[in-house]
Each structure stands twice: as C-alpha cells, then as structure tokens.
Amino acid sequence: MAAKTSVLDEKGYRKFGLRDKLAYGAGDFGCNMSFALKGTLSIYWMQYMGLDQLLMAGLLLLVQVWDAINDPLIGAMVDADRRQYRRNKFLVYISVGSVGLTIAGALCFIPWPTAPQLLKAVLFVVGYVIWDAFYTVANVPYGSMLPLITDDAVQRAAVHVPLRRSNGRGRDHWYSCSCVDL
C-alpha cells in the first residue's frame, strides 16, 4: 500500500485545499448561527418574559450603541496584543470567545418572567452586553485569520467571496426555525 503524499508549498506547508475551505466555512456558519441568537432575543424577552415593547425598543437601541463602541475596542485590543503564542493569537481569542459565547448565550435566556420590569431590563442589557463582547472576541480574530491561512490572494478570495455571499444562511435558517409563538 502506497503512503499518501500531500503536496507542499515552497515553505513546506500543506497546500490550501477543499478541506481548509470547508473548515473555514463551517466556522463562519457557526458564527452566523450565534449571531442569529440576536433575532430570537426580542421574541423571547417580549413574549415569554413580558418585557414592554417600547422598553425593549429602547434597550435594543442602547445595546446597539454599545455594539458600535465595543467592536472597535476589542478589535484594537486584539491588534495591539504582541504576546508570543504557541500557534497564533487568533486561535486563543477564538477559543476564549467561543466558550464565553456558550455561557453568555445561556445567560441571555434566564427564565424569570415574574421579575419586575426594571430587573428584566437590567438582565437583558447585562446578558446582551456580555454576549456581544464574547461574540466580538471570537469573530473579529476569526475574520482576521484568513491571511494567515494562505498567502495566495486567489485562494483567500476563493474562501472569502462565497462566505460573504452566503453570510446570512445560518441566520436565515435559525430565524425560520425559531419563529414560533411562545
């Protein structure tokens, strides 16, 4: 039986191929599924938790303003990180962000419908802000990692362009499955 040989590039690394494209696409799909959580939050907090619609609209505006501040801050933090990592800094941030996303995603759905409106508002804002911070910690480095995967601009485009075209598929699937009356 012949040994399986792989084609190496000039630096001695395995060439970028279909396996890499599928893996990167699966990660992007996962980020989009997490982002889809955002769409179900308003349904959950208004229908199940009984949060007033006008209050919810104001809270959504508040957390979106926070999001506009949060994203550049975390991006700058990742960019400014000069520590030496065993593989690369992006993987560390993605790992921390994904664990935080799991925990924060659960916190966004604390079932306490009998709580006072003010406490519900605080729970929503705190849960969302924590979730949003971890989403950014995972997603900003994930998007920045593509140039590390391959030096070839054609290969990067082969991964990046289809992902951007299908960016909403994870969200669309989640929305279609989650639009049930609570």
Protein backbone atom coordinates (compact mmCIF):
# COMPACT_ATOMS: atom_id res chain seq x y z
CA MET A 1 0.00 0.00 0.00
CA ALA A 2 1.47 3.31 -1.04
CA ALA A 3 1.82 6.09 1.50
CA LYS A 4 -0.47 9.04 0.96
CA THR A 5 1.52 12.05 -0.19
CA SER A 6 0.40 15.62 0.11
CA VAL A 7 1.58 18.49 -1.98
CA LEU A 8 3.60 21.05 -0.05
CA ASP A 9 4.14 24.67 -0.89
CA GLU A 10 7.55 26.38 -1.08
CA LYS A 11 7.59 26.88 2.72
CA GLY A 12 6.94 23.20 3.40
CA TYR A 13 3.30 23.59 4.43
CA ARG A 14 0.41 21.56 3.09
CA LYS A 15 -1.27 23.40 0.22
CA PHE A 16 -4.56 25.12 0.87
CA GLY A 17 -7.40 22.91 -0.35
CA LEU A 18 -11.04 21.93 -0.14
CA ARG A 19 -10.68 20.66 3.42
CA ASP A 20 -9.48 24.11 4.54
CA LYS A 21 -12.28 25.88 2.69
CA LEU A 22 -14.92 23.64 4.26
CA ALA A 23 -13.45 24.05 7.74
CA TYR A 24 -13.31 27.82 7.46
CA GLY A 25 -16.85 27.88 6.06
CA ALA A 26 -18.12 25.72 8.95
CA GLY A 27 -16.62 28.19 11.41
CA ASP A 28 -18.27 31.09 9.62
CA PHE A 29 -21.60 29.24 9.66
CA GLY A 30 -21.18 28.77 13.42
CA CYS A 31 -20.56 32.48 13.91
CA ASN A 32 -23.69 33.25 11.91
CA MET A 33 -25.75 30.80 13.98
CA SER A 34 -24.58 32.53 17.15
CA PHE A 35 -25.38 35.90 15.61
CA ALA A 36 -28.89 34.58 14.86
CA LEU A 37 -29.41 34.47 18.61
CA LYS A 38 -29.81 38.22 18.39
CA GLY A 39 -33.03 37.83 16.40
CA THR A 40 -34.63 35.49 18.90
CA LEU A 41 -33.81 37.65 21.91
CA SER A 42 -36.52 40.21 21.27
CA ILE A 43 -39.11 37.47 20.73
CA TYR A 44 -38.09 35.73 23.96
CA TRP A 45 -37.92 38.86 26.09
CA MET A 46 -41.21 40.33 24.87
CA GLN A 47 -43.35 37.20 24.51
CA TYR A 48 -42.06 34.96 27.29
CA MET A 49 -40.54 37.40 29.75
CA GLY A 50 -43.24 40.03 29.19
CA LEU A 51 -40.91 42.98 28.64
CA ASP A 52 -42.76 46.04 27.37
CA GLN A 53 -42.32 46.66 23.61
CA LEU A 54 -41.29 50.30 23.96
CA LEU A 55 -38.84 49.45 26.71
CA MET A 56 -37.44 46.65 24.54
CA ALA A 57 -37.01 49.04 21.61
CA GLY A 58 -35.09 51.46 23.82
CA LEU A 59 -32.92 48.69 25.23
CA LEU A 60 -32.14 47.42 21.73
CA LEU A 61 -31.08 50.92 20.74
CA LEU A 62 -28.89 51.14 23.85
CA VAL A 63 -27.14 47.82 23.20
CA GLN A 64 -26.60 48.67 19.52
CA VAL A 65 -24.86 51.89 20.57
CA TRP A 66 -22.73 49.75 22.89
CA ASP A 67 -22.01 47.40 19.97
CA ALA A 68 -20.72 50.33 17.89
CA ILE A 69 -18.29 51.14 20.71
CA ASN A 70 -17.43 47.55 21.63
CA ASP A 71 -16.36 46.28 18.20
CA PRO A 72 -13.53 48.75 17.54
CA LEU A 73 -12.31 48.47 21.15
CA ILE A 74 -12.00 44.70 21.03
CA GLY A 75 -10.54 44.84 17.51
CA ALA A 76 -7.89 47.29 18.73
CA MET A 77 -7.20 45.09 21.76
CA VAL A 78 -6.60 42.04 19.57
CA ASP A 79 -4.49 44.06 17.15
CA ALA A 80 -2.37 45.54 19.92
CA ASP A 81 -1.66 42.15 21.53
CA ARG A 82 2.04 41.47 20.91
CA ARG A 83 2.48 38.45 23.19
CA GLN A 84 4.02 35.33 21.71
CA TYR A 85 1.63 32.40 21.35
CA ARG A 86 2.45 28.80 20.54
CA ARG A 87 0.45 28.85 17.28
CA ASN A 88 -1.12 32.29 16.79
CA LYS A 89 -3.01 34.81 18.86
CA PHE A 90 -6.21 34.50 16.84
CA LEU A 91 -6.81 30.91 17.96
CA VAL A 92 -6.56 31.92 21.61
CA TYR A 93 -9.11 34.71 21.20
CA ILE A 94 -11.43 32.48 19.16
CA SER A 95 -11.27 29.77 21.85
CA VAL A 96 -11.94 32.17 24.71
CA GLY A 97 -14.69 33.88 22.73
CA SER A 98 -16.44 30.63 21.85
CA VAL A 99 -16.51 29.41 25.47
CA GLY A 100 -17.78 32.83 26.56
CA LEU A 101 -20.41 32.78 23.81
CA THR A 102 -21.78 29.49 25.12
CA ILE A 103 -22.10 30.78 28.66
CA ALA A 104 -23.33 34.26 27.70
CA GLY A 105 -25.82 32.81 25.22
CA ALA A 106 -27.38 30.81 28.04
CA LEU A 107 -27.40 33.90 30.30
CA CYS A 108 -29.44 35.77 27.69
CA PHE A 109 -32.30 33.33 28.25
CA ILE A 110 -32.63 33.33 32.04
CA PRO A 111 -36.26 32.29 32.65
CA TRP A 112 -37.69 34.69 35.21
CA PRO A 113 -40.99 36.04 33.85
CA THR A 114 -42.23 37.16 37.28
CA ALA A 115 -39.30 39.55 37.83
CA PRO A 116 -40.03 43.30 37.95
CA GLN A 117 -39.69 45.18 34.63
CA LEU A 118 -36.60 47.06 35.81
CA LEU A 119 -34.82 43.84 36.77
CA LYS A 120 -35.78 42.27 33.44
CA ALA A 121 -34.32 45.29 31.63
CA VAL A 122 -31.07 45.01 33.61
CA LEU A 123 -30.87 41.26 32.96
CA PHE A 124 -31.38 41.80 29.24
CA VAL A 125 -28.75 44.55 28.95
CA VAL A 126 -26.15 42.75 31.06
CA GLY A 127 -26.70 39.42 29.26
CA TYR A 128 -26.60 41.04 25.85
CA VAL A 129 -23.50 43.13 26.56
CA ILE A 130 -21.60 40.06 27.82
CA TRP A 131 -22.76 38.01 24.82
CA ASP A 132 -21.85 40.79 22.39
CA ALA A 133 -18.37 41.19 23.89
CA PHE A 134 -17.64 37.47 23.56
CA TYR A 135 -19.09 37.39 20.04
CA THR A 136 -16.70 40.16 19.05
CA VAL A 137 -13.77 38.46 20.83
CA ALA A 138 -14.41 35.33 18.73
CA ASN A 139 -15.50 36.85 15.43
CA VAL A 140 -13.00 39.71 14.87
CA PRO A 141 -9.96 37.39 15.10
CA TYR A 142 -11.79 34.77 13.03
CA GLY A 143 -12.21 37.23 10.19
CA SER A 144 -8.61 38.40 10.59
CA MET A 145 -7.25 34.86 10.43
CA LEU A 146 -7.79 34.32 6.70
CA PRO A 147 -4.49 35.95 5.61
CA LEU A 148 -2.67 33.54 7.95
CA ILE A 149 -4.26 30.52 6.29
CA THR A 150 -2.79 31.22 2.86
CA ASP A 151 -0.55 33.82 1.27
CA ASP A 152 -2.24 33.30 -2.08
CA ALA A 153 -4.77 36.10 -2.75
CA VAL A 154 -6.67 33.90 -5.22
CA GLN A 155 -7.11 31.18 -2.58
CA ARG A 156 -8.23 33.76 0.02
CA ALA A 157 -10.82 35.09 -2.43
CA ALA A 158 -11.98 31.53 -3.14
CA VAL A 159 -12.85 31.22 0.54
CA HIS A 160 -13.94 34.77 1.36
CA VAL A 161 -16.25 35.64 -1.54
CA PRO A 162 -18.61 32.62 -1.23
CA LEU A 163 -18.77 33.12 2.54
CA ARG A 164 -19.79 36.76 2.19
CA ARG A 165 -22.41 35.82 -0.41
CA SER A 166 -23.92 33.22 1.88
CA ASN A 167 -23.33 35.16 5.09
CA GLY A 168 -26.94 35.08 6.19
CA ARG A 169 -27.69 31.40 5.64
CA GLY A 170 -27.08 30.50 9.28
CA ARG A 171 -29.20 33.41 10.44
CA ASP A 172 -31.95 32.66 7.91
CA HIS A 173 -32.10 29.00 8.95
CA TRP A 174 -32.29 29.94 12.63
CA TYR A 175 -35.00 32.52 12.01
CA SER A 176 -37.11 30.07 10.03
CA CYS A 177 -36.84 27.51 12.84
CA SER A 178 -37.38 29.92 15.72
CA CYS A 179 -40.40 31.92 14.60
CA VAL A 180 -42.90 30.07 16.73
CA ASP A 181 -45.40 31.63 19.06
CA LEU A 182 -44.31 31.19 22.66
